[in-house]
N, C-alpha and C. Protein backbone atom coordinates (compact mmCIF):
# COMPACT_ATOMS: atom_id res chain seq x y z
N UNK A 1 56.23 -109.79 -22.13
CA UNK A 1 57.56 -110.64 -22.32
C UNK A 1 58.67 -109.63 -22.41
N UNK A 2 58.49 -108.34 -22.45
CA UNK A 2 59.51 -107.44 -22.63
C UNK A 2 60.57 -107.52 -21.44
N UNK A 3 60.06 -107.72 -20.21
CA UNK A 3 60.96 -107.79 -19.17
C UNK A 3 61.98 -108.99 -19.30
N UNK A 4 61.45 -110.04 -19.83
CA UNK A 4 62.29 -111.26 -20.09
C UNK A 4 63.26 -110.96 -21.17
N UNK A 5 62.95 -110.22 -22.17
CA UNK A 5 63.88 -109.79 -23.29
C UNK A 5 64.91 -108.86 -22.68
N UNK A 6 64.49 -107.92 -21.81
CA UNK A 6 65.45 -107.00 -21.22
C UNK A 6 66.43 -107.74 -20.37
N UNK A 7 65.97 -108.71 -19.60
CA UNK A 7 66.93 -109.47 -18.80
C UNK A 7 68.00 -110.22 -19.69
N UNK A 8 67.49 -110.99 -20.77
CA UNK A 8 68.51 -111.60 -21.63
C UNK A 8 69.41 -110.63 -22.28
N UNK A 9 68.87 -109.44 -22.65
CA UNK A 9 69.77 -108.44 -23.30
C UNK A 9 70.90 -108.07 -22.39
N UNK A 10 70.90 -108.19 -21.10
CA UNK A 10 71.90 -107.87 -20.07
C UNK A 10 73.25 -108.76 -20.55
N UNK A 11 72.89 -109.84 -21.03
CA UNK A 11 73.92 -110.91 -21.28
C UNK A 11 74.32 -111.02 -22.67
N UNK A 12 73.43 -110.71 -23.65
CA UNK A 12 73.67 -110.90 -25.14
C UNK A 12 72.63 -110.18 -26.00
N UNK A 13 73.10 -109.86 -27.15
CA UNK A 13 72.27 -109.24 -28.23
C UNK A 13 71.14 -110.23 -28.63
N UNK A 14 70.02 -109.64 -28.84
CA UNK A 14 68.99 -110.55 -29.44
C UNK A 14 68.47 -110.17 -30.69
N UNK A 15 68.38 -111.16 -31.53
CA UNK A 15 67.98 -111.01 -32.99
C UNK A 15 66.53 -111.22 -32.92
N UNK A 16 65.81 -110.84 -34.04
CA UNK A 16 64.31 -111.14 -34.20
C UNK A 16 64.03 -112.63 -33.97
N UNK A 17 64.98 -113.40 -34.58
CA UNK A 17 64.78 -115.01 -34.44
C UNK A 17 65.01 -115.43 -32.91
N UNK A 18 65.87 -114.83 -32.23
CA UNK A 18 65.99 -115.15 -30.85
C UNK A 18 64.75 -114.79 -30.06
N UNK A 19 64.14 -113.53 -30.35
CA UNK A 19 63.00 -113.19 -29.63
C UNK A 19 61.81 -114.12 -29.95
N UNK A 20 61.79 -114.52 -31.22
CA UNK A 20 60.69 -115.59 -31.59
C UNK A 20 60.79 -116.79 -30.81
N UNK A 21 62.03 -117.29 -30.68
CA UNK A 21 62.34 -118.50 -30.07
C UNK A 21 62.02 -118.41 -28.55
N UNK A 22 62.33 -117.34 -27.93
CA UNK A 22 61.92 -117.15 -26.50
C UNK A 22 60.52 -117.12 -26.35
N UNK A 23 59.69 -116.47 -27.21
CA UNK A 23 58.25 -116.40 -27.23
C UNK A 23 57.62 -117.71 -27.35
N UNK A 24 58.29 -118.52 -28.34
CA UNK A 24 57.63 -119.81 -28.61
C UNK A 24 57.96 -120.72 -27.45
N UNK A 25 59.14 -120.61 -26.74
CA UNK A 25 59.36 -121.59 -25.69
C UNK A 25 58.75 -121.31 -24.38
N UNK A 26 58.12 -120.17 -24.24
CA UNK A 26 57.44 -119.71 -22.95
C UNK A 26 56.03 -119.50 -23.02
N UNK A 27 55.31 -119.83 -22.05
CA UNK A 27 53.92 -119.63 -21.96
C UNK A 27 53.62 -118.57 -20.94
N UNK A 28 52.80 -117.50 -21.11
CA UNK A 28 52.54 -116.56 -20.15
C UNK A 28 51.27 -116.95 -19.30
N UNK A 29 51.57 -117.01 -18.00
CA UNK A 29 50.35 -117.47 -17.17
C UNK A 29 50.30 -116.49 -16.07
N UNK A 30 48.96 -116.02 -15.73
CA UNK A 30 48.70 -115.13 -14.63
C UNK A 30 48.16 -115.98 -13.39
N UNK A 31 48.54 -115.45 -12.25
CA UNK A 31 48.20 -116.05 -10.96
C UNK A 31 47.64 -115.12 -10.11
N UNK A 32 46.68 -115.51 -9.17
CA UNK A 32 46.15 -114.60 -8.09
C UNK A 32 47.00 -114.50 -6.90
N UNK A 33 46.76 -113.41 -6.14
CA UNK A 33 47.44 -113.21 -4.98
C UNK A 33 47.18 -114.48 -4.03
N UNK A 34 48.17 -114.92 -3.38
CA UNK A 34 48.07 -115.98 -2.47
C UNK A 34 47.93 -117.48 -3.23
N UNK A 35 48.07 -117.48 -4.51
CA UNK A 35 47.97 -118.70 -5.27
C UNK A 35 49.28 -119.49 -5.05
N UNK A 36 49.24 -120.67 -4.88
CA UNK A 36 50.42 -121.56 -4.64
C UNK A 36 50.73 -122.22 -5.85
N UNK A 37 52.02 -122.33 -6.27
CA UNK A 37 52.47 -122.97 -7.42
C UNK A 37 53.39 -124.15 -6.84
N UNK A 38 52.88 -125.36 -7.14
CA UNK A 38 53.63 -126.56 -6.50
C UNK A 38 54.57 -127.18 -7.52
N UNK A 39 54.47 -126.91 -8.84
CA UNK A 39 55.29 -127.56 -9.83
C UNK A 39 56.55 -126.71 -10.01
N UNK A 40 57.54 -127.00 -9.17
CA UNK A 40 58.81 -126.31 -9.25
C UNK A 40 59.83 -126.87 -10.27
N UNK A 41 59.33 -127.87 -10.99
CA UNK A 41 60.14 -128.50 -12.02
C UNK A 41 60.06 -127.66 -13.35
N UNK A 42 59.34 -126.63 -13.41
CA UNK A 42 59.18 -125.78 -14.58
C UNK A 42 60.14 -124.60 -14.33
N UNK A 43 60.44 -123.79 -15.41
CA UNK A 43 61.16 -122.64 -15.33
C UNK A 43 60.24 -121.47 -15.31
N UNK A 44 60.50 -120.51 -14.39
CA UNK A 44 59.69 -119.32 -14.25
C UNK A 44 60.47 -118.05 -14.27
N UNK A 45 59.85 -117.08 -14.97
CA UNK A 45 60.42 -115.71 -14.94
C UNK A 45 59.32 -114.75 -14.62
N UNK A 46 59.51 -113.89 -13.63
CA UNK A 46 58.59 -112.94 -13.19
C UNK A 46 58.36 -111.82 -14.11
N UNK A 47 57.24 -111.71 -14.75
CA UNK A 47 57.03 -110.51 -15.66
C UNK A 47 56.34 -109.41 -14.87
N UNK A 48 55.49 -109.71 -14.01
CA UNK A 48 54.97 -108.79 -13.05
C UNK A 48 54.58 -109.47 -11.74
N UNK A 49 54.57 -108.61 -10.61
CA UNK A 49 54.10 -109.19 -9.37
C UNK A 49 55.30 -109.65 -8.57
N UNK A 50 55.03 -110.44 -7.63
CA UNK A 50 56.07 -110.92 -6.75
C UNK A 50 55.68 -112.23 -6.14
N UNK A 51 56.69 -113.13 -5.90
CA UNK A 51 56.45 -114.39 -5.41
C UNK A 51 57.51 -114.76 -4.37
N UNK A 52 57.16 -115.63 -3.47
CA UNK A 52 58.25 -116.17 -2.55
C UNK A 52 58.36 -117.63 -2.81
N UNK A 53 59.51 -118.09 -2.59
CA UNK A 53 59.85 -119.52 -2.62
C UNK A 53 59.89 -119.98 -1.17
N UNK A 54 59.35 -121.10 -0.98
CA UNK A 54 59.52 -121.68 0.44
C UNK A 54 59.71 -123.09 0.50
N UNK A 55 60.26 -123.63 1.56
CA UNK A 55 60.46 -125.01 1.82
C UNK A 55 59.58 -125.38 2.95
N UNK A 56 58.85 -126.49 2.75
CA UNK A 56 57.97 -126.85 3.74
C UNK A 56 58.36 -128.34 4.34
N UNK A 57 58.60 -128.41 5.55
CA UNK A 57 58.96 -129.55 6.24
C UNK A 57 57.68 -129.95 7.06
N UNK A 58 57.77 -131.05 7.79
CA UNK A 58 56.63 -131.58 8.43
C UNK A 58 56.01 -130.54 9.51
N UNK A 59 56.97 -129.66 10.21
CA UNK A 59 56.48 -128.87 11.29
C UNK A 59 56.65 -127.37 11.00
N UNK A 60 57.23 -127.05 9.93
CA UNK A 60 57.32 -125.49 9.55
C UNK A 60 57.62 -125.21 8.07
N UNK A 61 57.36 -124.09 7.79
CA UNK A 61 57.76 -123.58 6.38
C UNK A 61 58.82 -122.47 6.61
N UNK A 62 59.80 -122.40 5.65
CA UNK A 62 60.92 -121.49 5.72
C UNK A 62 60.98 -120.74 4.39
N UNK A 63 60.92 -119.51 4.40
CA UNK A 63 61.03 -118.68 3.21
C UNK A 63 62.65 -118.77 2.74
N UNK A 64 62.63 -119.16 1.45
CA UNK A 64 64.11 -119.29 0.92
C UNK A 64 64.53 -118.07 0.07
N UNK A 65 63.46 -117.45 -0.62
CA UNK A 65 63.77 -116.42 -1.59
C UNK A 65 62.63 -115.61 -1.95
N UNK A 66 62.83 -114.38 -2.40
CA UNK A 66 61.77 -113.56 -2.97
C UNK A 66 62.21 -113.27 -4.43
N UNK A 67 61.19 -113.22 -5.29
CA UNK A 67 61.35 -112.86 -6.71
C UNK A 67 60.36 -111.82 -7.12
N UNK A 68 60.99 -110.78 -7.72
CA UNK A 68 60.16 -109.53 -8.23
C UNK A 68 60.14 -109.53 -9.68
N UNK A 69 59.46 -108.65 -10.33
CA UNK A 69 59.47 -108.61 -11.70
C UNK A 69 60.84 -108.29 -12.33
N UNK A 70 61.15 -109.03 -13.40
CA UNK A 70 62.47 -109.02 -14.15
C UNK A 70 63.40 -109.96 -13.58
N UNK A 71 62.99 -110.97 -12.71
CA UNK A 71 63.90 -111.94 -12.22
C UNK A 71 63.49 -113.32 -12.58
N UNK A 72 64.36 -114.17 -13.07
CA UNK A 72 64.17 -115.64 -13.19
C UNK A 72 64.09 -116.22 -11.83
N UNK A 73 63.35 -117.28 -11.66
CA UNK A 73 63.15 -118.00 -10.38
C UNK A 73 64.13 -119.21 -10.40
N UNK A 74 65.04 -119.28 -9.44
CA UNK A 74 66.05 -120.36 -9.33
C UNK A 74 65.68 -121.10 -8.10
N UNK A 75 65.38 -122.35 -8.13
CA UNK A 75 65.11 -123.20 -7.05
C UNK A 75 66.07 -124.48 -7.05
N UNK A 76 66.33 -124.96 -5.77
CA UNK A 76 67.29 -126.06 -5.78
C UNK A 76 66.52 -127.43 -6.05
N UNK A 77 65.98 -127.58 -7.21
CA UNK A 77 65.20 -128.75 -7.51
C UNK A 77 66.14 -129.96 -7.88
N UNK A 78 67.30 -129.77 -7.77
CA UNK A 78 68.23 -130.91 -8.16
C UNK A 78 68.59 -131.69 -6.89
N UNK A 79 68.04 -131.29 -5.74
CA UNK A 79 68.39 -132.01 -4.47
C UNK A 79 67.58 -133.24 -4.17
N UNK A 80 66.57 -133.59 -4.86
CA UNK A 80 65.75 -134.70 -4.65
C UNK A 80 64.62 -134.42 -3.72
N UNK A 81 64.41 -133.15 -3.10
CA UNK A 81 63.29 -132.75 -2.30
C UNK A 81 62.53 -131.54 -2.88
N UNK A 82 62.35 -131.66 -4.31
CA UNK A 82 61.61 -130.68 -4.78
C UNK A 82 60.10 -130.63 -4.45
N UNK A 83 59.58 -131.88 -4.07
CA UNK A 83 58.28 -132.01 -3.62
C UNK A 83 57.88 -131.03 -2.31
N UNK A 84 59.05 -130.66 -1.67
CA UNK A 84 58.89 -129.82 -0.39
C UNK A 84 59.02 -128.29 -0.74
N UNK A 85 59.28 -127.96 -2.00
CA UNK A 85 59.53 -126.52 -2.40
C UNK A 85 58.19 -126.11 -3.09
N UNK A 86 57.74 -124.84 -2.80
CA UNK A 86 56.64 -124.22 -3.37
C UNK A 86 56.86 -122.76 -3.67
N UNK A 87 56.08 -122.20 -4.58
CA UNK A 87 56.08 -120.76 -4.78
C UNK A 87 54.67 -120.31 -4.43
N UNK A 88 54.74 -119.06 -3.80
CA UNK A 88 53.51 -118.43 -3.43
C UNK A 88 53.48 -117.07 -3.97
N UNK A 89 52.36 -116.69 -4.66
CA UNK A 89 52.23 -115.41 -5.30
C UNK A 89 51.89 -114.33 -4.19
N UNK A 90 52.62 -113.30 -3.98
CA UNK A 90 52.38 -112.29 -2.89
C UNK A 90 51.53 -111.20 -3.47
N UNK A 91 51.37 -111.15 -4.77
CA UNK A 91 50.52 -110.13 -5.37
C UNK A 91 49.95 -110.82 -6.66
N UNK A 92 49.00 -110.24 -7.25
CA UNK A 92 48.61 -110.77 -8.62
C UNK A 92 49.89 -110.81 -9.46
N UNK A 93 50.29 -111.96 -10.03
CA UNK A 93 51.54 -112.12 -10.67
C UNK A 93 51.45 -112.76 -12.10
N UNK A 94 52.22 -112.33 -13.03
CA UNK A 94 52.29 -112.87 -14.30
C UNK A 94 53.69 -113.42 -14.50
N UNK A 95 53.77 -114.76 -14.95
CA UNK A 95 54.98 -115.42 -15.10
C UNK A 95 55.14 -115.86 -16.53
N UNK A 96 56.33 -115.96 -17.07
CA UNK A 96 56.71 -116.68 -18.30
C UNK A 96 57.13 -118.01 -17.80
N UNK A 97 56.56 -119.09 -18.23
CA UNK A 97 56.73 -120.35 -17.81
C UNK A 97 57.28 -121.29 -18.98
N UNK A 98 58.41 -122.02 -18.71
CA UNK A 98 58.86 -122.90 -19.70
C UNK A 98 59.16 -124.30 -19.03
N UNK A 99 59.16 -125.39 -19.88
CA UNK A 99 59.46 -126.62 -19.37
C UNK A 99 60.95 -126.99 -19.42
N UNK A 100 61.22 -127.85 -18.66
CA UNK A 100 62.67 -128.36 -18.72
C UNK A 100 63.12 -128.81 -20.03
N UNK A 101 62.12 -129.51 -20.74
CA UNK A 101 62.38 -130.06 -22.07
C UNK A 101 62.65 -128.94 -23.04
N UNK A 102 61.84 -127.84 -22.89
CA UNK A 102 62.00 -126.66 -23.82
C UNK A 102 63.32 -125.97 -23.51
N UNK A 103 63.75 -125.78 -22.26
CA UNK A 103 65.09 -125.24 -21.86
C UNK A 103 66.15 -126.11 -22.41
N UNK A 104 66.10 -127.38 -22.32
CA UNK A 104 67.19 -128.30 -22.81
C UNK A 104 67.27 -128.14 -24.37
N UNK A 105 66.07 -128.17 -25.04
CA UNK A 105 66.09 -128.02 -26.59
C UNK A 105 66.87 -126.71 -26.94
N UNK A 106 66.38 -125.58 -26.28
CA UNK A 106 67.10 -124.32 -26.65
C UNK A 106 68.59 -124.29 -26.34
N UNK A 107 68.96 -125.04 -25.22
CA UNK A 107 70.28 -125.05 -24.92
C UNK A 107 71.11 -125.89 -25.95
N UNK A 108 70.51 -126.91 -26.51
CA UNK A 108 71.07 -127.69 -27.66
C UNK A 108 71.24 -126.80 -28.86
N UNK A 109 70.12 -126.31 -29.35
CA UNK A 109 70.05 -125.60 -30.59
C UNK A 109 70.74 -124.35 -30.55
N UNK A 110 70.84 -123.57 -29.39
CA UNK A 110 71.36 -122.30 -29.34
C UNK A 110 72.28 -122.28 -28.09
N UNK A 111 73.47 -122.68 -28.28
CA UNK A 111 74.45 -122.76 -27.09
C UNK A 111 74.61 -121.40 -26.44
N UNK A 112 74.51 -120.36 -27.12
CA UNK A 112 74.76 -119.06 -26.44
C UNK A 112 73.68 -118.80 -25.44
N UNK A 113 72.49 -119.32 -25.56
CA UNK A 113 71.44 -119.17 -24.46
C UNK A 113 71.79 -119.98 -23.25
N UNK A 114 72.44 -121.04 -23.55
CA UNK A 114 72.91 -121.90 -22.37
C UNK A 114 74.01 -121.19 -21.55
N UNK A 115 74.84 -120.55 -22.31
CA UNK A 115 75.98 -119.65 -21.74
C UNK A 115 75.36 -118.54 -20.87
N UNK A 116 74.28 -117.92 -21.29
CA UNK A 116 73.53 -116.87 -20.73
C UNK A 116 73.00 -117.42 -19.37
N UNK A 117 72.23 -118.61 -19.43
CA UNK A 117 71.77 -119.10 -18.24
C UNK A 117 72.85 -119.41 -17.20
N UNK A 118 73.94 -120.02 -17.76
CA UNK A 118 74.94 -120.37 -16.84
C UNK A 118 75.63 -119.15 -16.17
N UNK A 119 75.87 -118.12 -16.90
CA UNK A 119 76.49 -116.89 -16.29
C UNK A 119 75.53 -116.31 -15.25
N UNK A 120 74.25 -116.24 -15.62
CA UNK A 120 73.29 -115.80 -14.61
C UNK A 120 73.22 -116.57 -13.38
N UNK A 121 73.17 -117.87 -13.59
CA UNK A 121 73.17 -118.75 -12.42
C UNK A 121 74.32 -118.69 -11.52
N UNK A 122 75.51 -118.57 -12.12
CA UNK A 122 76.80 -118.30 -11.43
C UNK A 122 76.71 -117.02 -10.58
N UNK A 123 76.16 -115.95 -11.19
CA UNK A 123 76.10 -114.70 -10.55
C UNK A 123 75.13 -114.69 -9.32
N UNK A 124 74.00 -115.32 -9.61
CA UNK A 124 72.94 -115.47 -8.60
C UNK A 124 73.40 -116.33 -7.47
N UNK A 125 74.12 -117.38 -7.75
CA UNK A 125 74.55 -118.38 -6.68
C UNK A 125 75.57 -117.58 -5.90
N UNK A 126 76.44 -116.94 -6.42
CA UNK A 126 77.59 -116.12 -5.83
C UNK A 126 76.89 -115.14 -4.85
N UNK A 127 75.87 -114.35 -5.37
CA UNK A 127 75.23 -113.40 -4.52
C UNK A 127 74.44 -114.01 -3.39
N UNK A 128 73.74 -115.23 -3.69
CA UNK A 128 72.98 -115.79 -2.55
C UNK A 128 73.87 -116.40 -1.50
N UNK A 129 75.04 -116.91 -1.81
CA UNK A 129 75.92 -117.46 -0.96
C UNK A 129 76.54 -116.32 0.08
N UNK A 130 77.00 -115.25 -0.65
CA UNK A 130 77.47 -114.11 0.09
C UNK A 130 76.32 -113.53 1.00
N UNK A 131 75.12 -113.40 0.51
CA UNK A 131 73.97 -112.92 1.38
C UNK A 131 73.80 -113.94 2.57
N UNK A 132 73.72 -115.11 2.30
CA UNK A 132 73.37 -116.11 3.38
C UNK A 132 74.56 -116.11 4.42
N UNK A 133 75.82 -116.12 3.94
CA UNK A 133 77.03 -116.09 4.76
C UNK A 133 76.92 -114.90 5.70
N UNK A 134 76.63 -113.75 5.03
CA UNK A 134 76.67 -112.58 5.84
C UNK A 134 75.50 -112.61 6.90
N UNK A 135 74.33 -113.13 6.58
CA UNK A 135 73.37 -113.15 7.61
C UNK A 135 73.80 -114.03 8.80
N UNK A 136 74.50 -115.07 8.51
CA UNK A 136 74.82 -115.86 9.70
C UNK A 136 75.77 -115.16 10.69
N UNK A 137 76.44 -114.11 10.28
CA UNK A 137 77.39 -113.44 11.14
C UNK A 137 76.66 -112.19 11.87
N UNK A 138 75.37 -111.98 11.48
CA UNK A 138 74.83 -110.68 12.04
C UNK A 138 73.76 -111.00 13.16
N UNK A 139 73.70 -109.98 14.03
CA UNK A 139 72.57 -110.11 14.95
C UNK A 139 71.20 -109.91 14.27
N UNK A 140 70.07 -110.19 14.83
CA UNK A 140 68.76 -109.89 14.18
C UNK A 140 68.60 -108.47 13.73
N UNK A 141 69.01 -107.52 14.60
CA UNK A 141 68.78 -106.13 14.07
C UNK A 141 69.70 -105.91 12.84
N UNK A 142 70.94 -106.36 12.97
CA UNK A 142 71.82 -106.24 11.84
C UNK A 142 71.34 -107.02 10.59
N UNK A 143 70.70 -108.03 10.73
CA UNK A 143 70.08 -108.80 9.62
C UNK A 143 69.05 -107.89 8.82
N UNK A 144 68.22 -107.28 9.69
CA UNK A 144 67.17 -106.36 9.08
C UNK A 144 67.78 -105.19 8.41
N UNK A 145 68.85 -104.61 9.09
CA UNK A 145 69.60 -103.51 8.46
C UNK A 145 70.21 -103.92 7.13
N UNK A 146 70.88 -104.99 7.11
CA UNK A 146 71.47 -105.66 5.81
C UNK A 146 70.42 -105.87 4.82
N UNK A 147 69.21 -106.26 5.12
CA UNK A 147 68.09 -106.46 4.15
C UNK A 147 67.67 -105.11 3.62
N UNK A 148 67.62 -104.12 4.49
CA UNK A 148 67.13 -102.87 4.04
C UNK A 148 68.18 -102.36 3.08
N UNK A 149 69.45 -102.49 3.37
CA UNK A 149 70.54 -101.99 2.44
C UNK A 149 70.57 -102.79 1.14
N UNK A 150 70.46 -104.09 1.25
CA UNK A 150 70.68 -104.96 0.05
C UNK A 150 69.35 -105.18 -0.75
N UNK A 151 68.21 -105.21 -0.21
CA UNK A 151 67.00 -105.58 -0.85
C UNK A 151 65.84 -104.67 -0.42
N UNK A 152 65.93 -103.36 -0.45
CA UNK A 152 64.95 -102.43 0.04
C UNK A 152 63.62 -102.53 -0.79
N UNK A 153 63.59 -103.05 -1.93
CA UNK A 153 62.42 -103.14 -2.75
C UNK A 153 61.48 -104.22 -2.13
N UNK A 154 61.98 -105.10 -1.30
CA UNK A 154 61.05 -106.04 -0.61
C UNK A 154 60.25 -105.45 0.49
N UNK A 155 60.63 -104.39 1.11
CA UNK A 155 60.07 -103.84 2.38
C UNK A 155 58.64 -103.30 2.14
N UNK A 156 58.24 -102.77 1.15
CA UNK A 156 56.79 -102.31 0.96
C UNK A 156 55.90 -103.27 0.29
N UNK A 157 56.58 -104.33 -0.10
CA UNK A 157 55.80 -105.39 -0.98
C UNK A 157 55.59 -106.74 -0.34
N UNK A 158 56.42 -107.05 0.67
CA UNK A 158 56.39 -108.45 1.33
C UNK A 158 55.96 -108.20 2.76
N UNK A 159 55.00 -109.14 3.16
CA UNK A 159 54.44 -109.14 4.54
C UNK A 159 55.67 -109.42 5.48
N UNK A 160 55.52 -108.65 6.77
CA UNK A 160 56.77 -108.68 7.64
C UNK A 160 57.02 -110.12 8.20
N UNK A 161 55.89 -110.92 8.34
CA UNK A 161 56.14 -112.23 8.91
C UNK A 161 56.94 -113.16 7.85
N UNK A 162 56.90 -112.88 6.57
CA UNK A 162 57.64 -113.57 5.56
C UNK A 162 59.12 -113.06 5.54
N UNK A 163 59.26 -111.83 5.83
CA UNK A 163 60.70 -111.22 5.89
C UNK A 163 61.30 -111.83 7.08
N UNK A 164 60.55 -111.94 8.21
CA UNK A 164 61.19 -112.58 9.40
C UNK A 164 61.54 -113.92 9.19
N UNK A 165 60.75 -114.75 8.43
CA UNK A 165 61.18 -116.16 8.08
C UNK A 165 62.40 -116.15 7.17
N UNK A 166 62.38 -115.29 6.27
CA UNK A 166 63.57 -115.20 5.36
C UNK A 166 64.87 -114.84 6.08
N UNK A 167 64.80 -113.97 7.07
CA UNK A 167 65.92 -113.51 7.93
C UNK A 167 66.31 -114.55 8.95
N UNK A 168 65.35 -115.47 9.22
CA UNK A 168 65.60 -116.50 10.30
C UNK A 168 65.47 -115.97 11.62
N UNK A 169 64.44 -115.07 11.76
CA UNK A 169 64.21 -114.45 13.06
C UNK A 169 62.73 -114.53 13.35
N UNK A 170 62.28 -114.35 14.68
CA UNK A 170 60.89 -114.43 14.96
C UNK A 170 60.19 -113.09 14.52
N UNK A 171 58.94 -113.10 14.17
CA UNK A 171 58.29 -111.79 13.82
C UNK A 171 58.35 -110.69 14.93
N UNK A 172 58.36 -111.07 16.17
CA UNK A 172 58.45 -110.12 17.28
C UNK A 172 59.85 -109.54 17.18
N UNK A 173 60.88 -110.30 16.96
CA UNK A 173 62.16 -109.77 16.90
C UNK A 173 62.36 -108.89 15.74
N UNK A 174 61.74 -109.07 14.58
CA UNK A 174 61.75 -108.15 13.49
C UNK A 174 61.15 -106.90 13.79
N UNK A 175 60.06 -106.97 14.53
CA UNK A 175 59.24 -105.87 14.98
C UNK A 175 60.20 -104.91 15.82
N UNK A 176 60.86 -105.47 16.83
CA UNK A 176 61.70 -104.78 17.63
C UNK A 176 62.87 -104.30 16.76
N UNK A 177 63.50 -104.97 15.90
CA UNK A 177 64.60 -104.58 15.08
C UNK A 177 64.08 -103.32 14.27
N UNK A 178 62.90 -103.37 13.65
CA UNK A 178 62.40 -102.25 12.92
C UNK A 178 62.25 -100.98 13.71
N UNK A 179 61.66 -101.24 14.97
CA UNK A 179 61.45 -100.08 15.89
C UNK A 179 62.78 -99.49 16.28
N UNK A 180 63.77 -100.36 16.59
CA UNK A 180 65.05 -99.82 17.10
C UNK A 180 65.77 -99.15 15.88
N UNK A 181 65.74 -99.64 14.75
CA UNK A 181 66.30 -98.95 13.55
C UNK A 181 65.66 -97.69 13.23
N UNK A 182 64.39 -97.57 13.42
CA UNK A 182 63.74 -96.40 13.30
C UNK A 182 64.12 -95.30 14.28
N UNK A 183 64.37 -95.79 15.55
CA UNK A 183 64.86 -94.86 16.55
C UNK A 183 66.32 -94.42 16.34
N UNK A 184 67.06 -95.19 15.73
CA UNK A 184 68.51 -94.77 15.56
C UNK A 184 68.80 -93.90 14.39
N UNK A 185 67.81 -93.85 13.45
CA UNK A 185 67.90 -93.09 12.22
C UNK A 185 67.29 -91.71 12.42
N UNK A 186 66.57 -91.41 13.54
CA UNK A 186 66.01 -90.12 13.72
C UNK A 186 67.00 -89.11 14.29
């Protein structure tokens, strides 16, 4: 749980009581590689490992985000189609899991936690919008270069076909982009 405490400490000081409250309101669960988590109505924080969020429609699945250790998982479960969102463990993964009821209780009892969550959500939303908007303006090769620049930690840990889905390009296009990028850096 230390990664969770470190994350919260970026936004506020933690007392011993705060730490106890966080520990009490979260359950630590371990998942195997390739395990699917279908209950996106819970709150998740990645303690170790990596997961991807994806949206599944009738004809395809689209990767919407990757989460690595030290990151809370934010999903658009307020849109009414949370039944189409899933999480998949890309490695053996340990998560701190909390219910919406627990999160609401903590927000009521400790308003400063609610402010921390709101500040983080605002920062993450701003980053996600900027990232998404930037991708729309780039060619496939430039998308991969942008990912290399912005999220290099994904490259050695995430399968290439999932990165291609995340970037909105075909796996073959990603392969060509990687090859071309490799040739231009030599």
